[in-house]
Each structure stands twice: as C-alpha cells, then as structure tokens.
Amino acid sequence: MTIQPPVYEWTATTAQEAATSLDAATNLIDAHLKTLMPGDPYIKNDTRRNAAVALRISLDLGPLLQAINESRELNDQLGLDTPTDS
C-alpha cells in the first residue's frame, strides 16, 4: 500500500496561533517518523537527521514591531521607562 504524501498548510494571525501551528508541524513530523520505527517508543537522532522533509515558513513580524514601536512612542510621550534592546 502506497501512502500519498499530504501537504499541510496553516495560517496564523496571532503569536499563539503561530506557536500552535509550529507545534502541530512538529507533532506531525514526529508521528510520521515513528512509523519508520514501529514499536520503538523513541525517535532516534539519526532517524531525525536523515529523514527528508520540505518545510517553508513565512513569518511577518511587521504588525508586532509596529505595536512595539507604538508602545515605545506612547511610553516616551508619558515619560515612562521603556525596555531597551538587548
């Protein structure tokens, strides 16, 4: 029996949704890797290193950076301390 390769795609609009999507992708990879070694409760590092997958991530932090800049501007106007970049 041949398994047809599925293609998964997620869209996230919040930081929480993005984290959940990344977790889902990790869990899917792990589930598929476990089928390579049935009965073995652990995925071996060499299995993980040698298993080919294609992953494409597009991350736009523009809205988050805009909110940070707006917050800093407001804090400056109010004379409040703002965290510095490290």
N, C-alpha and C. Protein backbone atom coordinates (compact mmCIF):
# COMPACT_ATOMS: atom_id res chain seq x y z
N MET A 1 0.84 -1.18 0.00
CA MET A 1 0.00 0.00 0.00
C MET A 1 0.89 1.25 0.00
N THR A 2 0.65 2.12 -0.91
CA THR A 2 1.42 3.36 -1.02
C THR A 2 0.65 4.49 -0.36
N ILE A 3 1.35 5.23 0.47
CA ILE A 3 0.76 6.40 1.13
C ILE A 3 1.02 7.62 0.26
N GLN A 4 -0.02 8.36 -0.07
CA GLN A 4 0.13 9.58 -0.85
C GLN A 4 0.61 10.69 0.08
N PRO A 5 1.62 11.43 -0.32
CA PRO A 5 2.15 12.46 0.57
C PRO A 5 1.20 13.65 0.72
N PRO A 6 0.72 13.87 1.94
CA PRO A 6 -0.13 15.04 2.16
C PRO A 6 0.72 16.31 2.27
N VAL A 7 0.13 17.42 1.97
CA VAL A 7 0.77 18.71 2.15
C VAL A 7 -0.08 19.47 3.16
N TYR A 8 0.55 19.91 4.22
CA TYR A 8 -0.16 20.62 5.28
C TYR A 8 0.14 22.11 5.17
N GLU A 9 -0.86 22.92 5.44
CA GLU A 9 -0.68 24.37 5.40
C GLU A 9 -1.49 24.99 6.53
N TRP A 10 -0.86 25.88 7.27
CA TRP A 10 -1.54 26.57 8.35
C TRP A 10 -1.43 28.07 8.12
N THR A 11 -2.40 28.79 8.60
CA THR A 11 -2.35 30.25 8.60
C THR A 11 -2.57 30.71 10.03
N ALA A 12 -1.71 31.58 10.50
CA ALA A 12 -1.82 32.10 11.86
C ALA A 12 -1.83 33.62 11.81
N THR A 13 -2.64 34.21 12.66
CA THR A 13 -2.70 35.67 12.71
C THR A 13 -2.34 36.22 14.09
N THR A 14 -2.03 35.33 15.03
CA THR A 14 -1.57 35.77 16.36
C THR A 14 -0.34 34.95 16.73
N ALA A 15 0.40 35.43 17.71
CA ALA A 15 1.58 34.71 18.17
C ALA A 15 1.20 33.33 18.70
N GLN A 16 0.07 33.24 19.40
CA GLN A 16 -0.38 31.95 19.93
C GLN A 16 -0.72 30.98 18.81
N GLU A 17 -1.42 31.45 17.79
CA GLU A 17 -1.75 30.59 16.65
C GLU A 17 -0.48 30.12 15.95
N ALA A 18 0.52 31.00 15.83
CA ALA A 18 1.78 30.62 15.19
C ALA A 18 2.48 29.53 15.99
N ALA A 19 2.54 29.69 17.31
CA ALA A 19 3.17 28.69 18.16
C ALA A 19 2.43 27.36 18.07
N THR A 20 1.11 27.41 18.06
CA THR A 20 0.30 26.19 17.95
C THR A 20 0.55 25.51 16.61
N SER A 21 0.67 26.29 15.54
CA SER A 21 0.93 25.73 14.22
C SER A 21 2.29 25.07 14.16
N LEU A 22 3.29 25.69 14.75
CA LEU A 22 4.63 25.10 14.79
C LEU A 22 4.63 23.80 15.59
N ASP A 23 3.90 23.79 16.70
CA ASP A 23 3.77 22.55 17.49
C ASP A 23 3.08 21.46 16.68
N ALA A 24 2.05 21.84 15.94
CA ALA A 24 1.33 20.86 15.12
C ALA A 24 2.25 20.27 14.06
N ALA A 25 3.07 21.12 13.44
CA ALA A 25 4.01 20.63 12.42
C ALA A 25 5.02 19.68 13.05
N THR A 26 5.54 20.02 14.21
CA THR A 26 6.49 19.16 14.91
C THR A 26 5.85 17.82 15.26
N ASN A 27 4.63 17.86 15.75
CA ASN A 27 3.92 16.63 16.11
C ASN A 27 3.66 15.74 14.88
N LEU A 28 3.33 16.36 13.76
CA LEU A 28 3.12 15.58 12.53
C LEU A 28 4.40 14.92 12.05
N ILE A 29 5.50 15.67 12.10
CA ILE A 29 6.79 15.09 11.72
C ILE A 29 7.11 13.91 12.62
N ASP A 30 6.96 14.10 13.93
CA ASP A 30 7.25 13.01 14.88
C ASP A 30 6.36 11.80 14.63
N ALA A 31 5.09 12.01 14.37
CA ALA A 31 4.18 10.90 14.13
C ALA A 31 4.60 10.11 12.90
N HIS A 32 5.01 10.81 11.86
CA HIS A 32 5.44 10.13 10.65
C HIS A 32 6.78 9.42 10.85
N LEU A 33 7.68 10.03 11.62
CA LEU A 33 8.96 9.38 11.90
C LEU A 33 8.76 8.09 12.70
N LYS A 34 7.78 8.10 13.60
CA LYS A 34 7.52 6.91 14.40
C LYS A 34 7.05 5.73 13.55
N THR A 35 6.46 6.01 12.39
CA THR A 35 6.03 4.91 11.52
C THR A 35 7.24 4.22 10.87
N LEU A 36 8.38 4.92 10.84
CA LEU A 36 9.59 4.29 10.32
C LEU A 36 10.15 3.24 11.26
N MET A 37 9.89 3.41 12.55
CA MET A 37 10.41 2.51 13.57
C MET A 37 9.26 2.02 14.46
N PRO A 38 8.36 1.20 13.91
CA PRO A 38 7.22 0.75 14.71
C PRO A 38 7.68 0.00 15.97
N GLY A 39 7.02 0.28 17.05
CA GLY A 39 7.33 -0.39 18.30
C GLY A 39 8.43 0.30 19.10
N ASP A 40 9.19 1.18 18.48
CA ASP A 40 10.23 1.90 19.20
C ASP A 40 9.61 3.18 19.77
N PRO A 41 9.59 3.34 21.09
CA PRO A 41 8.90 4.50 21.68
C PRO A 41 9.64 5.82 21.46
N TYR A 42 10.90 5.77 21.03
CA TYR A 42 11.69 6.99 20.88
C TYR A 42 12.13 7.16 19.43
N ILE A 43 12.18 8.40 19.00
CA ILE A 43 12.70 8.71 17.66
C ILE A 43 14.19 8.95 17.83
N LYS A 44 14.98 8.22 17.15
CA LYS A 44 16.44 8.35 17.26
C LYS A 44 16.92 9.58 16.50
N ASN A 45 17.99 10.18 17.01
CA ASN A 45 18.53 11.38 16.38
C ASN A 45 18.94 11.14 14.93
N ASP A 46 19.53 9.97 14.63
CA ASP A 46 19.95 9.72 13.26
C ASP A 46 18.74 9.59 12.34
N THR A 47 17.65 9.07 12.85
CA THR A 47 16.41 8.99 12.05
C THR A 47 15.94 10.40 11.72
N ARG A 48 15.95 11.27 12.71
CA ARG A 48 15.52 12.65 12.52
C ARG A 48 16.45 13.38 11.54
N ARG A 49 17.76 13.16 11.66
CA ARG A 49 18.74 13.83 10.80
C ARG A 49 18.64 13.37 9.35
N ASN A 50 18.29 12.12 9.14
CA ASN A 50 18.32 11.55 7.79
C ASN A 50 16.98 11.54 7.08
N ALA A 51 15.91 11.88 7.76
CA ALA A 51 14.58 11.87 7.15
C ALA A 51 14.35 13.18 6.39
N ALA A 52 14.07 13.07 5.12
CA ALA A 52 13.86 14.26 4.29
C ALA A 52 12.44 14.78 4.44
N VAL A 53 12.31 16.05 4.70
CA VAL A 53 11.02 16.74 4.69
C VAL A 53 11.23 18.09 4.02
N ALA A 54 10.16 18.68 3.55
CA ALA A 54 10.23 20.03 2.98
C ALA A 54 9.40 20.94 3.87
N LEU A 55 10.02 22.00 4.34
CA LEU A 55 9.34 22.95 5.22
C LEU A 55 9.61 24.36 4.70
N ARG A 56 8.53 25.12 4.58
CA ARG A 56 8.65 26.50 4.13
C ARG A 56 7.91 27.35 5.16
N ILE A 57 8.59 28.34 5.70
CA ILE A 57 7.97 29.22 6.70
C ILE A 57 8.10 30.65 6.22
N SER A 58 6.99 31.36 6.29
CA SER A 58 6.99 32.79 6.01
C SER A 58 6.50 33.48 7.27
N LEU A 59 7.33 34.33 7.85
CA LEU A 59 6.99 34.97 9.12
C LEU A 59 7.06 36.47 8.95
N ASP A 60 5.95 37.14 9.14
CA ASP A 60 5.87 38.59 9.04
C ASP A 60 5.68 39.17 10.43
N LEU A 61 6.71 39.75 10.98
CA LEU A 61 6.63 40.35 12.31
C LEU A 61 6.32 41.85 12.25
N GLY A 62 5.99 42.33 11.05
CA GLY A 62 5.69 43.75 10.87
C GLY A 62 4.63 44.28 11.83
N PRO A 63 3.46 43.63 11.93
CA PRO A 63 2.45 44.14 12.85
C PRO A 63 2.90 44.15 14.32
N LEU A 64 3.69 43.14 14.71
CA LEU A 64 4.19 43.09 16.09
C LEU A 64 5.20 44.20 16.34
N LEU A 65 6.09 44.42 15.38
CA LEU A 65 7.06 45.51 15.53
C LEU A 65 6.38 46.87 15.52
N GLN A 66 5.32 47.00 14.75
CA GLN A 66 4.56 48.26 14.75
C GLN A 66 3.96 48.51 16.13
N ALA A 67 3.41 47.46 16.74
CA ALA A 67 2.84 47.60 18.08
C ALA A 67 3.92 47.95 19.10
N ILE A 68 5.11 47.36 18.96
CA ILE A 68 6.22 47.68 19.87
C ILE A 68 6.61 49.15 19.71
N ASN A 69 6.73 49.59 18.47
CA ASN A 69 7.10 50.99 18.22
C ASN A 69 6.05 51.95 18.77
N GLU A 70 4.77 51.63 18.57
CA GLU A 70 3.70 52.48 19.08
C GLU A 70 3.73 52.53 20.60
N SER A 71 3.99 51.39 21.23
CA SER A 71 4.06 51.33 22.69
C SER A 71 5.23 52.18 23.20
N ARG A 72 6.36 52.09 22.51
CA ARG A 72 7.53 52.89 22.92
C ARG A 72 7.26 54.38 22.75
N GLU A 73 6.61 54.74 21.65
CA GLU A 73 6.29 56.15 21.43
C GLU A 73 5.36 56.67 22.52
N LEU A 74 4.36 55.87 22.88
CA LEU A 74 3.44 56.27 23.94
C LEU A 74 4.16 56.39 25.27
N ASN A 75 5.03 55.43 25.56
CA ASN A 75 5.80 55.49 26.81
C ASN A 75 6.69 56.73 26.84
N ASP A 76 7.30 57.05 25.68
CA ASP A 76 8.13 58.26 25.61
C ASP A 76 7.30 59.51 25.88
N GLN A 77 6.10 59.57 25.30
CA GLN A 77 5.23 60.73 25.48
C GLN A 77 4.80 60.86 26.95
N LEU A 78 4.62 59.71 27.61
CA LEU A 78 4.19 59.72 29.01
C LEU A 78 5.37 59.80 29.99
N GLY A 79 6.60 59.76 29.44
CA GLY A 79 7.79 59.82 30.29
C GLY A 79 8.04 58.53 31.04
N LEU A 80 7.55 57.41 30.53
CA LEU A 80 7.77 56.13 31.19
C LEU A 80 9.01 55.47 30.64
N ASP A 81 9.62 54.64 31.48
CA ASP A 81 10.78 53.87 31.03
C ASP A 81 10.34 52.80 30.06
N THR A 82 11.14 52.58 29.05
CA THR A 82 10.86 51.50 28.10
C THR A 82 12.01 50.50 28.15
N PRO A 83 11.71 49.22 27.93
CA PRO A 83 12.79 48.23 27.89
C PRO A 83 13.75 48.56 26.74
N THR A 84 15.02 48.31 26.98
CA THR A 84 16.00 48.56 25.93
C THR A 84 16.24 47.29 25.14
N ASP A 85 16.69 47.47 23.91
CA ASP A 85 17.03 46.31 23.08
C ASP A 85 18.29 45.68 23.64
N SER A 86 18.31 44.36 23.70
CA SER A 86 19.49 43.66 24.21
C SER A 86 20.15 42.92 23.10
